[in-house]
């Protein structure tokens, strides 16, 4: 980006047909998961009503902000194209068209999705702060589960031309839940631990580590005009991984 200009890219949530599919298949999962999310907050000492309110707020905020992507970096793709532009000069008040030939480099926007990344990351950070304050023994184990998830996700993440970095959908939450249950044992802290590991593990492994290693090469290979951390659309792996990991963790412990 030029200077300190803040650029926001609004992407349509999804094609209307797919929106119907998402509503039928994912909405029940999301609603059930947010019920367990409220329980996860309660496990950390938050009043049940407050935990329920936080869960509802997160759901609404994620839905409302899922189309909003804040651009953090603009990168040259190395692909150039020729454009013809028409300007006008005025001769005695009469506009005369002047056609110019301009060589333009395609730009790729690296952005952060507010609903799919910022909201779950803020929630995870809050949970980690609560764990550090009341269950400090569990904090390093949750962080270890998060890093284990990140390493697995990093190993399997692949760039998909025109889309971005993709990961098998069930692998991050399953890894997060298994790692959390293994490290924490049968305790209610598995709920917040699985959510944190699923959310931050997916974010670090698929987005941060993969992009940081070779951002320029990935940008050129992807062929996408917008690479959004957290997903340019309804929800991507960061949001869903945390919720699904929470459900799996609840079943396992």
Protein backbone atom coordinates (compact mmCIF):
# COMPACT_ATOMS: atom_id res chain seq x y z
CA UNK A 1 0.00 0.00 0.00
CA UNK A 2 1.10 3.54 -0.51
CA UNK A 3 1.80 5.52 2.61
CA UNK A 4 -0.43 4.77 5.57
CA UNK A 5 -3.64 4.47 3.55
CA UNK A 6 -6.00 1.88 4.98
CA UNK A 7 -7.61 -0.25 2.30
CA UNK A 8 -10.61 -2.45 2.93
CA UNK A 9 -11.80 -5.05 0.44
CA UNK A 10 -15.39 -6.23 0.70
CA UNK A 11 -16.00 -9.67 -0.77
CA UNK A 12 -19.47 -11.16 -1.31
CA UNK A 13 -20.08 -13.90 1.28
CA UNK A 14 -20.72 -16.68 -1.25
CA UNK A 15 -22.75 -17.59 -4.32
CA UNK A 16 -26.49 -17.73 -3.42
CA UNK A 17 -26.70 -21.47 -4.20
CA UNK A 18 -23.69 -22.24 -2.02
CA UNK A 19 -25.07 -19.98 0.69
CA UNK A 20 -28.11 -22.25 0.89
CA UNK A 21 -25.85 -25.30 1.15
CA UNK A 22 -23.76 -23.64 3.85
CA UNK A 23 -26.88 -22.67 5.76
CA UNK A 24 -28.25 -26.22 5.73
CA UNK A 25 -24.99 -28.02 6.47
CA UNK A 26 -22.91 -25.60 8.52
CA UNK A 27 -25.38 -23.48 10.45
CA UNK A 28 -26.48 -26.31 12.80
CA UNK A 29 -22.82 -27.17 13.40
CA UNK A 30 -21.98 -23.55 14.13
CA UNK A 31 -24.91 -23.13 16.54
CA UNK A 32 -24.05 -26.31 18.47
CA UNK A 33 -20.38 -25.35 18.55
CA UNK A 34 -21.15 -21.93 19.99
CA UNK A 35 -23.08 -23.65 22.77
CA UNK A 36 -19.91 -25.51 23.68
CA UNK A 37 -17.97 -22.28 23.28
CA UNK A 38 -20.10 -20.73 26.02
CA UNK A 39 -19.28 -23.76 28.17
CA UNK A 40 -15.59 -23.24 27.44
CA UNK A 41 -15.78 -19.70 28.80
CA UNK A 42 -17.61 -20.97 31.88
CA UNK A 43 -14.82 -23.50 32.46
CA UNK A 44 -12.42 -20.58 32.77
CA UNK A 45 -14.48 -18.90 35.47
CA UNK A 46 -16.70 -16.69 33.30
CA UNK A 47 -20.32 -16.46 34.47
CA UNK A 48 -22.52 -18.75 32.31
CA UNK A 49 -24.71 -15.85 31.15
CA UNK A 50 -21.64 -13.81 30.25
CA UNK A 51 -20.15 -16.80 28.45
CA UNK A 52 -23.38 -17.26 26.49
CA UNK A 53 -23.42 -13.58 25.60
CA UNK A 54 -19.81 -13.72 24.41
CA UNK A 55 -20.59 -16.75 22.28
CA UNK A 56 -23.60 -15.07 20.66
CA UNK A 57 -21.62 -11.88 20.09
CA UNK A 58 -18.81 -13.84 18.42
CA UNK A 59 -21.28 -15.61 16.14
CA UNK A 60 -22.96 -12.38 15.07
CA UNK A 61 -19.65 -10.52 14.71
CA UNK A 62 -18.14 -13.31 12.61
CA UNK A 63 -21.17 -13.42 10.32
CA UNK A 64 -21.31 -9.64 9.94
CA UNK A 65 -17.58 -9.15 9.43
CA UNK A 66 -16.86 -12.20 7.25
CA UNK A 67 -16.94 -10.14 4.01
CA UNK A 68 -14.53 -7.51 5.39
CA UNK A 69 -10.84 -7.86 4.56
CA UNK A 70 -8.29 -5.29 5.74
CA UNK A 71 -5.33 -5.10 3.36
CA UNK A 72 -2.00 -5.20 5.21
CA UNK A 73 0.31 -5.42 2.22
CA UNK A 74 0.21 -4.94 -1.54
CA UNK A 75 2.60 -7.11 -3.54
CA UNK A 76 3.67 -7.08 -7.16
CA UNK A 77 2.84 -10.38 -8.87
CA UNK A 78 5.45 -10.10 -11.61
CA UNK A 79 2.69 -10.38 -14.23
CA UNK A 80 2.33 -7.37 -16.50
CA UNK A 81 -0.39 -6.46 -18.96
CA UNK A 82 -1.02 -3.69 -21.44
CA UNK A 83 -3.90 -1.30 -20.95
CA UNK A 84 -5.20 1.39 -23.26
CA UNK A 85 -6.49 4.46 -21.51
CA UNK A 86 -8.42 7.33 -22.94
CA UNK A 87 -7.89 10.84 -21.64
CA UNK A 88 -9.24 14.08 -22.99
CA UNK A 89 -7.65 17.37 -23.81
CA UNK A 90 -9.74 20.40 -24.52
CA UNK A 91 -9.29 22.47 -27.66
CA UNK A 92 -11.35 25.66 -27.51
CA UNK A 93 -13.69 23.87 -25.10
CA UNK A 94 -14.07 20.80 -27.32
CA UNK A 95 -12.89 17.49 -25.72
CA UNK A 96 -10.43 15.62 -27.91
CA UNK A 97 -9.75 11.96 -26.98
CA UNK A 98 -6.11 10.93 -26.56
CA UNK A 99 -5.42 7.20 -26.29
CA UNK A 100 -2.32 6.12 -24.39
CA UNK A 101 -0.72 2.71 -23.99
CA UNK A 102 0.25 1.81 -20.41
CA UNK A 103 2.06 -1.25 -19.07
CA UNK A 104 0.57 -2.26 -15.69
CA UNK A 105 1.76 -4.87 -13.20
CA UNK A 106 -0.95 -6.94 -11.54
CA UNK A 107 -1.01 -6.44 -7.78
CA UNK A 108 -1.91 -8.96 -5.11
CA UNK A 109 -3.53 -7.83 -1.88
CA UNK A 110 -2.53 -9.61 1.33
CA UNK A 111 -5.35 -9.02 3.79
CA UNK A 112 -6.73 -10.10 7.15
CA UNK A 113 -10.37 -11.16 7.30
CA UNK A 114 -12.13 -9.64 10.30
CA UNK A 115 -14.83 -12.27 10.81
CA UNK A 116 -12.75 -15.32 9.97
CA UNK A 117 -9.48 -14.38 11.66
CA UNK A 118 -9.64 -11.37 13.97
CA UNK A 119 -12.75 -12.43 15.92
CA UNK A 120 -11.58 -16.01 16.71
CA UNK A 121 -8.03 -14.84 17.44
CA UNK A 122 -9.30 -12.24 19.93
CA UNK A 123 -11.42 -14.95 21.58
CA UNK A 124 -8.45 -17.32 21.75
CA UNK A 125 -6.24 -14.62 23.22
CA UNK A 126 -8.86 -13.92 25.88
CA UNK A 127 -9.04 -17.62 26.75
CA UNK A 128 -5.25 -17.83 27.04
CA UNK A 129 -5.27 -14.84 29.38
CA UNK A 130 -7.91 -16.51 31.56
CA UNK A 131 -5.95 -19.77 31.58
CA UNK A 132 -2.80 -17.93 32.60
CA UNK A 133 -4.65 -16.28 35.47
CA UNK A 134 -6.48 -19.26 36.93
CA UNK A 135 -4.91 -22.45 35.50
CA UNK A 136 -1.31 -21.51 34.84
CA UNK A 137 -0.21 -25.16 34.75
CA UNK A 138 -2.32 -25.70 31.63
CA UNK A 139 -0.97 -22.73 29.65
CA UNK A 140 2.27 -24.32 28.36
CA UNK A 141 0.36 -27.50 27.43
CA UNK A 142 -2.22 -25.57 25.41
CA UNK A 143 0.56 -23.66 23.69
CA UNK A 144 2.32 -26.95 22.93
CA UNK A 145 -0.90 -28.35 21.43
CA UNK A 146 -1.20 -25.17 19.37
CA UNK A 147 2.32 -25.51 18.00
CA UNK A 148 1.79 -29.21 17.25
CA UNK A 149 -1.32 -28.31 15.27
CA UNK A 150 0.53 -25.53 13.46
CA UNK A 151 3.35 -27.87 12.41
CA UNK A 152 0.93 -30.50 11.07
CA UNK A 153 -1.09 -27.89 9.21
CA UNK A 154 2.07 -26.34 7.80
CA UNK A 155 3.24 -29.72 6.52
CA UNK A 156 0.04 -30.43 4.58
CA UNK A 157 -0.96 -26.91 3.47
CA UNK A 158 -0.77 -26.44 -0.29
CA UNK A 159 -1.27 -23.42 -2.56
CA UNK A 160 -4.28 -23.72 -4.87
CA UNK A 161 -4.05 -21.48 -7.95
CA UNK A 162 -6.70 -18.80 -7.99
CA UNK A 163 -7.85 -19.59 -4.44
CA UNK A 164 -5.09 -19.44 -1.84
CA UNK A 165 -3.60 -21.84 0.67
CA UNK A 166 -5.83 -24.85 1.37
CA UNK A 167 -5.73 -27.61 3.99
CA UNK A 168 -7.85 -30.78 4.38
CA UNK A 169 -10.78 -29.47 6.38
CA UNK A 170 -10.87 -32.00 9.23
CA UNK A 171 -7.12 -32.34 9.79
CA UNK A 172 -6.49 -29.12 11.79
CA UNK A 173 -9.40 -29.53 14.27
CA UNK A 174 -8.75 -33.26 14.72
CA UNK A 175 -5.05 -32.64 15.35
CA UNK A 176 -5.84 -29.81 17.76
CA UNK A 177 -8.34 -31.85 19.77
CA UNK A 178 -6.13 -34.95 19.95
CA UNK A 179 -3.07 -32.92 20.97
CA UNK A 180 -5.02 -31.01 23.61
CA UNK A 181 -6.63 -34.11 25.13
CA UNK A 182 -3.27 -35.90 25.16
CA UNK A 183 -1.47 -33.02 26.89
CA UNK A 184 -4.19 -31.91 29.30
CA UNK A 185 -5.87 -35.22 30.11
CA UNK A 186 -9.56 -35.60 31.02
CA UNK A 187 -10.34 -32.10 32.23
CA UNK A 188 -12.93 -29.49 31.21
CA UNK A 189 -9.99 -27.30 30.15
CA UNK A 190 -9.94 -29.43 27.02
CA UNK A 191 -12.80 -27.25 25.73
CA UNK A 192 -10.97 -23.91 25.66
CA UNK A 193 -7.68 -25.68 24.91
CA UNK A 194 -9.04 -27.35 21.79
CA UNK A 195 -10.57 -24.13 20.57
CA UNK A 196 -7.33 -22.20 21.02
CA UNK A 197 -5.21 -24.92 19.41
CA UNK A 198 -7.60 -25.26 16.49
CA UNK A 199 -7.85 -21.53 15.87
CA UNK A 200 -4.28 -20.38 16.40
CA UNK A 201 -2.76 -23.62 15.07
CA UNK A 202 -4.60 -23.23 11.77
CA UNK A 203 -3.76 -19.55 11.54
CA UNK A 204 -0.06 -20.08 12.23
CA UNK A 205 0.42 -23.21 10.14
CA UNK A 206 -1.59 -22.39 7.02
CA UNK A 207 -1.33 -18.63 6.86
CA UNK A 208 1.51 -17.12 8.89
CA UNK A 209 4.25 -19.76 8.56
CA UNK A 210 3.42 -20.76 4.99
CA UNK A 211 3.26 -17.18 3.76
CA UNK A 212 6.26 -16.00 5.77
CA UNK A 213 8.54 -18.69 4.34
CA UNK A 214 8.27 -17.61 0.75
CA UNK A 215 5.64 -14.95 0.29
CA UNK A 216 6.77 -13.74 -3.12
CA UNK A 217 6.85 -17.21 -4.65
CA UNK A 218 3.46 -18.13 -3.23
CA UNK A 219 2.01 -14.88 -4.48
CA UNK A 220 3.15 -15.59 -8.03
CA UNK A 221 2.04 -19.23 -7.97
CA UNK A 222 -1.40 -18.64 -6.50
CA UNK A 223 -2.58 -16.30 -9.21
CA UNK A 224 -5.11 -14.82 -6.80
CA UNK A 225 -5.74 -11.09 -6.63
CA UNK A 226 -6.65 -11.31 -2.94
CA UNK A 227 -5.00 -13.56 -0.35
CA UNK A 228 -6.97 -13.18 2.85
CA UNK A 229 -5.81 -14.59 6.18
CA UNK A 230 -8.95 -15.98 7.71
CA UNK A 231 -10.74 -16.34 4.39
CA UNK A 232 -12.18 -13.93 1.88
CA UNK A 233 -15.78 -14.96 2.26
CA UNK A 234 -18.10 -16.69 4.72
CA UNK A 235 -15.66 -18.63 6.88
CA UNK A 236 -12.44 -20.44 6.28
CA UNK A 237 -10.27 -22.85 8.22
CA UNK A 238 -9.35 -20.53 11.09
CA UNK A 239 -12.94 -19.97 12.23
CA UNK A 240 -14.28 -23.46 11.58
CA UNK A 241 -11.17 -25.27 12.84
CA UNK A 242 -11.58 -23.71 16.26
CA UNK A 243 -15.26 -24.66 16.52
CA UNK A 244 -14.86 -28.19 15.17
CA UNK A 245 -11.83 -28.79 17.40
CA UNK A 246 -13.98 -27.69 20.34
CA UNK A 247 -16.66 -30.23 19.42
CA UNK A 248 -14.16 -33.05 18.95
CA UNK A 249 -12.43 -32.17 22.21
CA UNK A 250 -15.77 -32.27 24.03
CA UNK A 251 -16.47 -35.73 22.63
CA UNK A 252 -13.00 -37.07 23.46
CA UNK A 253 -12.55 -35.91 27.00
